[in-house]
Amino acid sequence: PKLLVSATDSGTIVLQWYPPPNPPTPLLGYRLTFGRVEVLPFTVVEFPTKETRYTAQDIHKGANYVFRLSARNKMGYGEEILKEVTTPEDAPTGYPENIALQQSSDTSLQLAWKSVPLIEQNGKVVKYSVLYKDINSRGNASEVVVPAPGSSVLLEGLSADTVYDVRVCAFTAVGPGPYSPGVQFRTQRLDQVF
């Protein structure tokens, strides 16, 4: 068979195939195997001979998909036709999760986080922005940029025994996603350090 694949904007990919002309034995149906390259197992769908279209749902942005189609006759399945599709990237729709304190001193906080959930990344995460501020200060937040694949940061030059509000967002090449909800961490008191 011949396979045509077209991606849409609405999170779907439409497939259409054409049976081989004059098959030596009658066709009994088709099998389509597909999925996001790095996410197993793949989905397998079988079709009767008369069906020649399928719409794959819940397709992620900025991802590589593989589609394999084979036709079946009484001997079994024939050779698979392979098509790969990369969907266009977008800014993330989710934010980094599980922001946690790894260690603290009177002037620093070492924090780490988990990346945006895969389905909300919408492409390759290239960097993170970390915003932090003293919760009692009126000033603007300070920003630190962390290149991916890094997922931790050391905030330095902080005040002792002070609560800081920290938020993190991820960027793809298209732009930033939303910031995470603020998480609060306290630096140590000076007398705790010694």
N, C-alpha and C. Protein backbone atom coordinates (compact mmCIF):
# COMPACT_ATOMS: atom_id res chain seq x y z
N PRO A 1 0.83 -1.21 0.00
CA PRO A 1 0.00 0.00 0.00
C PRO A 1 0.86 1.26 0.00
N LYS A 2 0.22 2.38 -0.34
CA LYS A 2 0.88 3.68 -0.32
C LYS A 2 0.26 4.47 0.82
N LEU A 3 1.07 5.18 1.59
CA LEU A 3 0.58 5.86 2.80
C LEU A 3 0.83 7.36 2.72
N LEU A 4 -0.22 8.15 2.93
CA LEU A 4 -0.10 9.61 3.00
C LEU A 4 -0.42 10.06 4.42
N VAL A 5 0.40 10.97 4.95
CA VAL A 5 0.24 11.42 6.33
C VAL A 5 0.16 12.94 6.33
N SER A 6 -0.85 13.52 7.00
CA SER A 6 -0.88 14.98 7.11
C SER A 6 -1.22 15.40 8.54
N ALA A 7 -0.38 16.29 9.09
CA ALA A 7 -0.59 16.79 10.46
C ALA A 7 -1.55 17.97 10.41
N THR A 8 -2.36 18.12 11.46
CA THR A 8 -3.28 19.25 11.56
C THR A 8 -2.89 20.09 12.76
N ASP A 9 -3.54 21.24 12.93
CA ASP A 9 -3.27 22.10 14.08
C ASP A 9 -3.97 21.64 15.33
N SER A 10 -4.93 20.75 15.20
CA SER A 10 -5.80 20.44 16.33
C SER A 10 -5.37 19.21 17.11
N GLY A 11 -4.07 18.87 17.07
CA GLY A 11 -3.61 17.73 17.86
C GLY A 11 -3.98 16.39 17.25
N THR A 12 -4.18 16.36 15.94
CA THR A 12 -4.46 15.09 15.26
C THR A 12 -3.56 14.95 14.04
N ILE A 13 -3.39 13.71 13.60
CA ILE A 13 -2.69 13.43 12.34
C ILE A 13 -3.60 12.53 11.52
N VAL A 14 -3.83 12.91 10.27
CA VAL A 14 -4.73 12.16 9.39
C VAL A 14 -3.90 11.28 8.46
N LEU A 15 -4.29 10.00 8.39
CA LEU A 15 -3.59 9.06 7.51
C LEU A 15 -4.57 8.55 6.46
N GLN A 16 -4.06 8.41 5.26
CA GLN A 16 -4.86 7.82 4.19
C GLN A 16 -3.95 6.89 3.41
N TRP A 17 -4.47 5.73 3.04
CA TRP A 17 -3.62 4.81 2.29
C TRP A 17 -4.38 4.25 1.09
N TYR A 18 -3.60 3.75 0.14
CA TYR A 18 -4.14 3.26 -1.13
C TYR A 18 -3.65 1.84 -1.31
N PRO A 19 -4.56 0.92 -1.60
CA PRO A 19 -4.14 -0.47 -1.73
C PRO A 19 -3.19 -0.65 -2.91
N PRO A 20 -2.33 -1.67 -2.83
CA PRO A 20 -1.45 -1.95 -3.97
C PRO A 20 -2.31 -2.34 -5.17
N PRO A 21 -1.97 -1.88 -6.39
CA PRO A 21 -2.74 -2.27 -7.57
C PRO A 21 -2.52 -3.76 -7.88
N ASN A 22 -3.57 -4.44 -8.27
CA ASN A 22 -3.50 -5.87 -8.66
C ASN A 22 -2.69 -6.73 -7.70
N PRO A 23 -3.11 -6.84 -6.42
CA PRO A 23 -2.35 -7.74 -5.54
C PRO A 23 -2.46 -9.18 -6.02
N PRO A 24 -1.40 -9.98 -5.85
CA PRO A 24 -1.41 -11.37 -6.34
C PRO A 24 -2.49 -12.21 -5.63
N THR A 25 -2.76 -11.92 -4.35
CA THR A 25 -3.85 -12.62 -3.66
C THR A 25 -4.72 -11.55 -3.01
N PRO A 26 -6.00 -11.83 -2.73
CA PRO A 26 -6.89 -10.79 -2.21
C PRO A 26 -6.40 -10.25 -0.87
N LEU A 27 -6.59 -8.95 -0.69
CA LEU A 27 -6.25 -8.33 0.58
C LEU A 27 -7.34 -8.61 1.61
N LEU A 28 -6.92 -8.84 2.87
CA LEU A 28 -7.87 -9.12 3.94
C LEU A 28 -7.94 -7.99 4.96
N GLY A 29 -7.06 -7.00 4.84
CA GLY A 29 -7.09 -5.89 5.79
C GLY A 29 -5.73 -5.24 5.93
N TYR A 30 -5.66 -4.33 6.90
CA TYR A 30 -4.44 -3.56 7.13
C TYR A 30 -4.13 -3.51 8.62
N ARG A 31 -2.86 -3.29 8.92
CA ARG A 31 -2.45 -3.06 10.31
C ARG A 31 -1.60 -1.79 10.36
N LEU A 32 -1.97 -0.89 11.28
CA LEU A 32 -1.23 0.35 11.48
C LEU A 32 -0.63 0.34 12.88
N THR A 33 0.69 0.57 12.96
CA THR A 33 1.39 0.67 14.24
C THR A 33 1.97 2.07 14.31
N PHE A 34 1.72 2.80 15.40
CA PHE A 34 2.23 4.17 15.44
C PHE A 34 2.43 4.63 16.87
N GLY A 35 3.23 5.70 16.99
CA GLY A 35 3.42 6.31 18.31
C GLY A 35 4.52 7.34 18.29
N ARG A 36 4.65 8.01 19.42
CA ARG A 36 5.74 8.96 19.61
C ARG A 36 7.02 8.17 19.80
N VAL A 37 8.07 8.54 19.07
CA VAL A 37 9.27 7.71 18.97
C VAL A 37 9.79 7.25 20.34
N GLU A 38 9.82 8.18 21.34
CA GLU A 38 10.45 7.82 22.60
C GLU A 38 9.47 7.28 23.64
N VAL A 39 8.21 7.08 23.25
CA VAL A 39 7.20 6.61 24.21
C VAL A 39 6.64 5.26 23.76
N LEU A 40 7.03 4.19 24.47
CA LEU A 40 6.52 2.86 24.13
C LEU A 40 5.47 2.46 25.15
N PRO A 41 4.57 1.52 24.90
CA PRO A 41 4.43 0.80 23.63
C PRO A 41 3.68 1.64 22.59
N PHE A 42 3.84 1.28 21.32
CA PHE A 42 3.12 1.93 20.25
C PHE A 42 1.67 1.43 20.23
N THR A 43 0.82 2.21 19.57
CA THR A 43 -0.58 1.82 19.36
C THR A 43 -0.66 0.96 18.11
N VAL A 44 -1.45 -0.10 18.17
CA VAL A 44 -1.65 -0.97 17.00
C VAL A 44 -3.15 -1.00 16.68
N VAL A 45 -3.50 -0.68 15.43
CA VAL A 45 -4.91 -0.69 15.01
C VAL A 45 -5.02 -1.56 13.76
N GLU A 46 -6.03 -2.44 13.75
CA GLU A 46 -6.27 -3.27 12.56
C GLU A 46 -7.53 -2.79 11.85
N PHE A 47 -7.51 -2.87 10.53
CA PHE A 47 -8.63 -2.35 9.71
C PHE A 47 -9.08 -3.40 8.72
N PRO A 48 -10.40 -3.43 8.43
CA PRO A 48 -10.87 -4.25 7.31
C PRO A 48 -10.42 -3.63 5.98
N THR A 49 -10.50 -4.40 4.93
CA THR A 49 -10.02 -3.97 3.61
C THR A 49 -10.65 -2.67 3.14
N LYS A 50 -11.94 -2.47 3.44
CA LYS A 50 -12.63 -1.30 2.90
C LYS A 50 -12.23 0.02 3.57
N GLU A 51 -11.59 -0.07 4.74
CA GLU A 51 -11.19 1.17 5.42
C GLU A 51 -9.81 1.60 4.97
N THR A 52 -9.71 2.88 4.59
CA THR A 52 -8.41 3.37 4.09
C THR A 52 -8.05 4.72 4.69
N ARG A 53 -8.71 5.08 5.82
CA ARG A 53 -8.41 6.36 6.48
C ARG A 53 -8.39 6.15 7.99
N TYR A 54 -7.56 6.96 8.67
CA TYR A 54 -7.55 6.90 10.13
C TYR A 54 -7.06 8.25 10.65
N THR A 55 -7.65 8.73 11.75
CA THR A 55 -7.20 9.97 12.39
C THR A 55 -6.60 9.63 13.75
N ALA A 56 -5.31 9.90 13.91
CA ALA A 56 -4.63 9.66 15.19
C ALA A 56 -4.87 10.88 16.09
N GLN A 57 -5.38 10.62 17.31
CA GLN A 57 -5.75 11.69 18.24
C GLN A 57 -4.63 11.95 19.25
N ASP A 58 -4.79 13.03 20.02
CA ASP A 58 -3.90 13.35 21.15
C ASP A 58 -2.43 13.40 20.73
N ILE A 59 -2.19 14.02 19.59
CA ILE A 59 -0.82 14.13 19.08
C ILE A 59 -0.14 15.33 19.75
N HIS A 60 1.05 15.12 20.30
CA HIS A 60 1.78 16.18 20.99
C HIS A 60 2.48 17.10 19.98
N LYS A 61 2.67 18.36 20.38
CA LYS A 61 3.43 19.29 19.54
C LYS A 61 4.93 19.08 19.75
N GLY A 62 5.72 19.42 18.73
CA GLY A 62 7.17 19.35 18.85
C GLY A 62 7.68 17.94 19.13
N ALA A 63 7.03 16.94 18.51
CA ALA A 63 7.39 15.55 18.80
C ALA A 63 7.58 14.78 17.49
N ASN A 64 8.37 13.69 17.57
CA ASN A 64 8.59 12.82 16.40
C ASN A 64 7.68 11.60 16.52
N TYR A 65 6.91 11.36 15.47
CA TYR A 65 6.04 10.19 15.42
C TYR A 65 6.45 9.29 14.28
N VAL A 66 6.21 8.00 14.49
CA VAL A 66 6.47 7.03 13.42
C VAL A 66 5.16 6.27 13.15
N PHE A 67 4.88 6.04 11.87
CA PHE A 67 3.69 5.30 11.43
C PHE A 67 4.16 4.16 10.53
N ARG A 68 3.68 2.95 10.82
CA ARG A 68 4.04 1.78 10.00
C ARG A 68 2.75 1.08 9.57
N LEU A 69 2.59 0.90 8.27
CA LEU A 69 1.38 0.29 7.73
C LEU A 69 1.75 -0.96 6.94
N SER A 70 1.00 -2.04 7.17
CA SER A 70 1.19 -3.22 6.31
C SER A 70 -0.18 -3.79 5.94
N ALA A 71 -0.22 -4.44 4.77
CA ALA A 71 -1.44 -5.07 4.28
C ALA A 71 -1.37 -6.57 4.57
N ARG A 72 -2.56 -7.18 4.78
CA ARG A 72 -2.61 -8.60 5.13
C ARG A 72 -3.33 -9.36 4.01
N ASN A 73 -2.76 -10.51 3.65
CA ASN A 73 -3.48 -11.45 2.80
C ASN A 73 -3.50 -12.79 3.53
N LYS A 74 -3.89 -13.86 2.85
CA LYS A 74 -4.05 -15.12 3.58
C LYS A 74 -2.72 -15.68 4.10
N MET A 75 -1.61 -15.20 3.56
CA MET A 75 -0.29 -15.63 4.04
C MET A 75 0.14 -14.87 5.30
N GLY A 76 -0.52 -13.74 5.62
CA GLY A 76 -0.13 -12.93 6.78
C GLY A 76 0.14 -11.50 6.35
N TYR A 77 0.87 -10.79 7.20
CA TYR A 77 1.15 -9.38 6.92
C TYR A 77 2.36 -9.24 6.01
N GLY A 78 2.26 -8.29 5.08
CA GLY A 78 3.37 -8.02 4.16
C GLY A 78 4.34 -7.00 4.75
N GLU A 79 5.18 -6.49 3.87
CA GLU A 79 6.20 -5.53 4.26
C GLU A 79 5.56 -4.25 4.80
N GLU A 80 6.19 -3.66 5.82
CA GLU A 80 5.65 -2.42 6.39
C GLU A 80 6.16 -1.20 5.62
N ILE A 81 5.26 -0.24 5.43
CA ILE A 81 5.68 1.05 4.90
C ILE A 81 5.86 1.97 6.08
N LEU A 82 6.94 2.73 6.10
CA LEU A 82 7.28 3.57 7.24
C LEU A 82 7.17 5.04 6.86
N LYS A 83 6.51 5.83 7.72
CA LYS A 83 6.48 7.29 7.54
C LYS A 83 6.80 7.92 8.89
N GLU A 84 7.68 8.93 8.88
CA GLU A 84 7.96 9.66 10.12
C GLU A 84 7.43 11.08 9.98
N VAL A 85 6.89 11.60 11.08
CA VAL A 85 6.32 12.95 11.07
C VAL A 85 6.84 13.67 12.31
N THR A 86 7.32 14.91 12.14
CA THR A 86 7.67 15.75 13.28
C THR A 86 6.66 16.88 13.33
N THR A 87 5.97 17.00 14.45
CA THR A 87 4.96 18.05 14.57
C THR A 87 5.64 19.37 14.98
N PRO A 88 5.07 20.50 14.59
CA PRO A 88 5.71 21.78 14.89
C PRO A 88 5.76 22.06 16.40
N GLU A 89 6.84 22.74 16.81
CA GLU A 89 6.98 23.09 18.23
C GLU A 89 6.07 24.25 18.60
N ASP A 90 5.83 24.38 19.90
CA ASP A 90 5.11 25.53 20.44
C ASP A 90 5.74 25.83 21.81
N ALA A 91 5.33 26.91 22.44
CA ALA A 91 5.78 27.17 23.81
C ALA A 91 5.14 26.13 24.73
N PRO A 92 5.78 25.80 25.85
CA PRO A 92 5.19 24.81 26.76
C PRO A 92 3.82 25.29 27.27
N THR A 93 2.92 24.34 27.51
CA THR A 93 1.63 24.69 28.11
C THR A 93 1.62 24.36 29.59
N GLY A 94 2.67 23.69 30.07
CA GLY A 94 2.75 23.36 31.50
C GLY A 94 4.00 23.97 32.10
N TYR A 95 4.16 23.78 33.40
CA TYR A 95 5.30 24.35 34.11
C TYR A 95 6.09 23.25 34.81
N PRO A 96 7.36 23.54 35.16
CA PRO A 96 8.17 22.56 35.90
C PRO A 96 7.51 22.24 37.25
N GLU A 97 7.72 21.00 37.70
CA GLU A 97 7.02 20.52 38.90
C GLU A 97 8.01 20.13 39.99
N ASN A 98 7.46 19.93 41.20
CA ASN A 98 8.23 19.40 42.35
C ASN A 98 9.49 20.22 42.64
N ILE A 99 9.33 21.54 42.76
CA ILE A 99 10.48 22.37 43.13
C ILE A 99 10.83 22.04 44.58
N ALA A 100 12.06 21.64 44.82
CA ALA A 100 12.43 21.14 46.15
C ALA A 100 13.77 21.72 46.58
N LEU A 101 13.92 21.86 47.90
CA LEU A 101 15.16 22.35 48.48
C LEU A 101 16.14 21.19 48.62
N GLN A 102 17.35 21.34 48.07
CA GLN A 102 18.37 20.30 48.24
C GLN A 102 19.26 20.63 49.42
N GLN A 103 19.70 21.89 49.53
CA GLN A 103 20.39 22.31 50.75
C GLN A 103 20.34 23.82 50.87
N SER A 104 20.56 24.30 52.10
CA SER A 104 20.49 25.74 52.32
C SER A 104 21.59 26.17 53.28
N SER A 105 21.94 27.47 53.20
CA SER A 105 22.84 28.07 54.19
C SER A 105 22.20 29.40 54.58
N ASP A 106 22.96 30.26 55.27
CA ASP A 106 22.39 31.56 55.63
C ASP A 106 22.33 32.51 54.44
N THR A 107 23.07 32.22 53.35
CA THR A 107 23.06 33.13 52.19
C THR A 107 22.71 32.43 50.87
N SER A 108 22.34 31.13 50.93
CA SER A 108 22.08 30.45 49.66
C SER A 108 21.00 29.37 49.81
N LEU A 109 20.38 29.08 48.67
CA LEU A 109 19.40 27.98 48.57
C LEU A 109 19.74 27.18 47.33
N GLN A 110 19.90 25.87 47.47
CA GLN A 110 20.13 24.98 46.32
C GLN A 110 18.81 24.28 46.04
N LEU A 111 18.24 24.53 44.84
CA LEU A 111 16.91 24.01 44.50
C LEU A 111 16.98 23.13 43.26
N ALA A 112 16.06 22.20 43.17
CA ALA A 112 15.95 21.34 41.98
C ALA A 112 14.48 21.17 41.65
N TRP A 113 14.20 20.75 40.41
CA TRP A 113 12.81 20.56 39.97
C TRP A 113 12.75 19.47 38.92
N LYS A 114 11.53 19.02 38.64
CA LYS A 114 11.30 18.07 37.54
C LYS A 114 10.80 18.87 36.34
N SER A 115 11.13 18.41 35.14
CA SER A 115 10.75 19.15 33.94
C SER A 115 9.22 19.17 33.78
N VAL A 116 8.79 19.94 32.81
CA VAL A 116 7.37 19.99 32.45
C VAL A 116 6.94 18.59 32.00
N PRO A 117 5.72 18.13 32.37
CA PRO A 117 5.27 16.83 31.87
C PRO A 117 5.37 16.75 30.34
N LEU A 118 5.77 15.58 29.84
CA LEU A 118 6.09 15.41 28.41
C LEU A 118 4.98 15.94 27.50
N ILE A 119 3.72 15.64 27.84
CA ILE A 119 2.61 16.04 26.96
C ILE A 119 2.46 17.56 26.90
N GLU A 120 3.01 18.29 27.90
CA GLU A 120 2.87 19.75 27.93
C GLU A 120 4.15 20.48 27.50
N GLN A 121 5.19 19.72 27.14
CA GLN A 121 6.46 20.38 26.76
C GLN A 121 6.34 21.06 25.39
N ASN A 122 5.63 20.44 24.46
CA ASN A 122 5.41 21.00 23.11
C ASN A 122 6.70 21.25 22.35
N GLY A 123 7.70 20.43 22.61
CA GLY A 123 8.98 20.58 21.92
C GLY A 123 10.12 20.30 22.90
N LYS A 124 11.32 20.64 22.45
CA LYS A 124 12.51 20.39 23.28
C LYS A 124 12.70 21.58 24.22
N VAL A 125 12.76 21.30 25.53
CA VAL A 125 13.02 22.37 26.50
C VAL A 125 14.48 22.80 26.36
N VAL A 126 14.71 24.11 26.11
CA VAL A 126 16.07 24.61 25.90
C VAL A 126 16.64 25.31 27.13
N LYS A 127 15.76 25.86 28.00
CA LYS A 127 16.25 26.52 29.22
C LYS A 127 15.09 26.70 30.19
N TYR A 128 15.48 27.06 31.42
CA TYR A 128 14.50 27.39 32.47
C TYR A 128 14.80 28.79 32.98
N SER A 129 13.76 29.49 33.39
CA SER A 129 13.92 30.77 34.09
C SER A 129 13.46 30.58 35.53
N VAL A 130 14.31 30.98 36.48
CA VAL A 130 13.97 30.87 37.91
C VAL A 130 13.81 32.29 38.44
N LEU A 131 12.62 32.62 38.93
CA LEU A 131 12.37 33.93 39.54
C LEU A 131 12.32 33.75 41.05
N TYR A 132 13.00 34.62 41.78
CA TYR A 132 12.95 34.50 43.25
C TYR A 132 12.97 35.87 43.88
N LYS A 133 12.26 36.00 45.00
CA LYS A 133 12.29 37.26 45.74
C LYS A 133 11.97 37.04 47.20
N ASP A 134 12.51 37.92 48.03
CA ASP A 134 12.20 37.96 49.46
C ASP A 134 10.71 38.30 49.57
N ILE A 135 9.93 37.47 50.28
CA ILE A 135 8.47 37.69 50.29
C ILE A 135 8.10 39.01 50.96
N ASN A 136 9.02 39.57 51.77
CA ASN A 136 8.69 40.84 52.43
C ASN A 136 9.22 42.06 51.69
N SER A 137 9.89 41.84 50.55
CA SER A 137 10.46 43.02 49.87
C SER A 137 9.49 43.49 48.81
N ARG A 138 9.49 44.79 48.57
CA ARG A 138 8.59 45.35 47.56
C ARG A 138 9.21 45.32 46.17
N GLY A 139 10.51 45.03 46.11
CA GLY A 139 11.23 45.14 44.84
C GLY A 139 10.82 44.04 43.85
N ASN A 140 11.40 44.11 42.66
CA ASN A 140 11.12 43.09 41.65
C ASN A 140 11.87 41.80 41.97
N ALA A 141 11.37 40.71 41.41
CA ALA A 141 12.04 39.43 41.58
C ALA A 141 13.36 39.42 40.79
N SER A 142 14.33 38.63 41.27
CA SER A 142 15.56 38.41 40.52
C SER A 142 15.36 37.17 39.64
N GLU A 143 16.09 37.10 38.53
CA GLU A 143 15.95 35.98 37.60
C GLU A 143 17.29 35.30 37.37
N VAL A 144 17.27 33.97 37.35
CA VAL A 144 18.45 33.19 36.96
C VAL A 144 18.01 32.29 35.81
N VAL A 145 18.81 32.22 34.75
CA VAL A 145 18.50 31.34 33.61
C VAL A 145 19.36 30.09 33.71
N VAL A 146 18.73 28.93 33.59
CA VAL A 146 19.43 27.64 33.69
C VAL A 146 19.28 26.92 32.34
N PRO A 147 20.38 26.72 31.61
CA PRO A 147 20.27 26.00 30.33
C PRO A 147 19.85 24.54 30.55
N ALA A 148 18.95 24.03 29.71
CA ALA A 148 18.61 22.61 29.76
C ALA A 148 19.83 21.83 29.27
N PRO A 149 20.05 20.58 29.68
CA PRO A 149 19.14 19.76 30.50
C PRO A 149 19.26 19.98 32.00
N GLY A 150 19.97 21.03 32.45
CA GLY A 150 20.07 21.30 33.88
C GLY A 150 18.69 21.47 34.50
N SER A 151 18.52 21.02 35.74
CA SER A 151 17.23 21.21 36.41
C SER A 151 17.46 21.50 37.89
N SER A 152 18.53 22.29 38.16
CA SER A 152 18.77 22.73 39.53
C SER A 152 19.49 24.07 39.46
N VAL A 153 19.44 24.79 40.60
CA VAL A 153 20.06 26.13 40.62
C VAL A 153 20.53 26.41 42.03
N LEU A 154 21.64 27.17 42.13
CA LEU A 154 22.12 27.65 43.43
C LEU A 154 21.84 29.15 43.46
N LEU A 155 20.90 29.58 44.34
CA LEU A 155 20.62 31.01 44.52
C LEU A 155 21.54 31.51 45.62
N GLU A 156 22.36 32.51 45.29
CA GLU A 156 23.38 32.99 46.24
C GLU A 156 23.16 34.46 46.57
N GLY A 157 23.89 34.94 47.59
CA GLY A 157 23.81 36.35 47.96
C GLY A 157 22.48 36.69 48.63
N LEU A 158 21.87 35.71 49.29
CA LEU A 158 20.57 35.93 49.94
C LEU A 158 20.77 36.43 51.37
N SER A 159 19.68 36.89 51.97
CA SER A 159 19.72 37.33 53.37
C SER A 159 19.44 36.14 54.28
N ALA A 160 20.03 36.17 55.48
CA ALA A 160 19.82 35.08 56.44
C ALA A 160 18.40 35.10 57.00
N ASP A 161 17.92 33.91 57.38
CA ASP A 161 16.64 33.75 58.07
C ASP A 161 15.52 34.51 57.34
N THR A 162 15.47 34.32 56.02
CA THR A 162 14.52 35.07 55.19
C THR A 162 13.77 34.08 54.30
N VAL A 163 12.47 34.31 54.13
CA VAL A 163 11.67 33.45 53.26
C VAL A 163 11.68 34.02 51.83
N TYR A 164 12.02 33.15 50.87
CA TYR A 164 12.03 33.53 49.45
C TYR A 164 10.94 32.75 48.71
N ASP A 165 10.27 33.46 47.82
CA ASP A 165 9.27 32.85 46.95
C ASP A 165 9.95 32.53 45.61
N VAL A 166 9.82 31.28 45.16
CA VAL A 166 10.54 30.84 43.95
C VAL A 166 9.53 30.29 42.94
N ARG A 167 9.67 30.70 41.68
CA ARG A 167 8.84 30.18 40.59
C ARG A 167 9.74 29.84 39.41
N VAL A 168 9.37 28.80 38.66
CA VAL A 168 10.20 28.34 37.54
C VAL A 168 9.34 28.18 36.29
N CYS A 169 9.87 28.57 35.13
CA CYS A 169 9.19 28.27 33.86
C CYS A 169 10.19 27.68 32.88
N ALA A 170 9.64 26.95 31.89
CA ALA A 170 10.47 26.31 30.86
C ALA A 170 10.28 27.03 29.54
N PHE A 171 11.34 27.03 28.72
CA PHE A 171 11.28 27.60 27.37
C PHE A 171 11.54 26.50 26.34
N THR A 172 10.80 26.53 25.23
CA THR A 172 11.24 25.83 24.02
C THR A 172 11.81 26.91 23.10
N ALA A 173 12.23 26.53 21.90
CA ALA A 173 12.74 27.52 20.95
C ALA A 173 11.66 28.54 20.60
N VAL A 174 10.38 28.17 20.76
CA VAL A 174 9.29 29.09 20.42
C VAL A 174 9.09 30.17 21.48
N GLY A 175 9.33 29.81 22.75
CA GLY A 175 9.15 30.80 23.81
C GLY A 175 8.85 30.15 25.15
N PRO A 176 8.50 30.99 26.16
CA PRO A 176 8.31 30.49 27.52
C PRO A 176 6.92 29.92 27.75
N GLY A 177 6.86 28.97 28.67
CA GLY A 177 5.57 28.50 29.17
C GLY A 177 5.20 29.28 30.42
N PRO A 178 4.13 28.86 31.09
CA PRO A 178 3.72 29.56 32.32
C PRO A 178 4.70 29.29 33.47
N TYR A 179 4.78 30.25 34.40
CA TYR A 179 5.55 30.01 35.62
C TYR A 179 4.79 29.06 36.53
N SER A 180 5.55 28.28 37.29
CA SER A 180 4.95 27.41 38.30
C SER A 180 4.35 28.28 39.40
N PRO A 181 3.41 27.73 40.18
CA PRO A 181 2.98 28.45 41.37
C PRO A 181 4.19 28.67 42.29
N GLY A 182 4.18 29.76 43.07
CA GLY A 182 5.32 30.05 43.95
C GLY A 182 5.47 29.01 45.04
N VAL A 183 6.73 28.66 45.33
CA VAL A 183 7.04 27.77 46.45
C VAL A 183 7.98 28.57 47.36
N GLN A 184 7.80 28.44 48.69
CA GLN A 184 8.58 29.27 49.61
C GLN A 184 9.62 28.47 50.38
N PHE A 185 10.82 29.05 50.47
CA PHE A 185 11.94 28.42 51.16
C PHE A 185 12.61 29.47 52.05
N ARG A 186 13.10 29.01 53.21
CA ARG A 186 13.74 29.94 54.16
C ARG A 186 15.24 29.65 54.23
N THR A 187 16.04 30.71 54.18
CA THR A 187 17.48 30.56 54.43
C THR A 187 17.69 30.32 55.93
N GLN A 188 18.87 29.81 56.27
CA GLN A 188 19.15 29.52 57.68
C GLN A 188 19.47 30.79 58.46
N ARG A 189 19.30 30.71 59.79
CA ARG A 189 19.75 31.80 60.66
C ARG A 189 21.26 31.77 60.76
N LEU A 190 21.87 32.89 60.98
CA LEU A 190 23.33 32.94 61.09
C LEU A 190 23.84 31.99 62.19
N ASP A 191 23.16 31.96 63.35
CA ASP A 191 23.66 31.11 64.44
C ASP A 191 23.44 29.61 64.20
N GLN A 192 22.60 29.28 63.18
CA GLN A 192 22.43 27.85 62.85
C GLN A 192 23.62 27.34 62.07
N VAL A 193 24.28 28.26 61.38
CA VAL A 193 25.33 27.84 60.44
C VAL A 193 26.58 27.39 61.19
N PHE A 194 26.88 28.07 62.28
CA PHE A 194 28.14 27.76 63.00
C PHE A 194 27.95 26.64 64.01
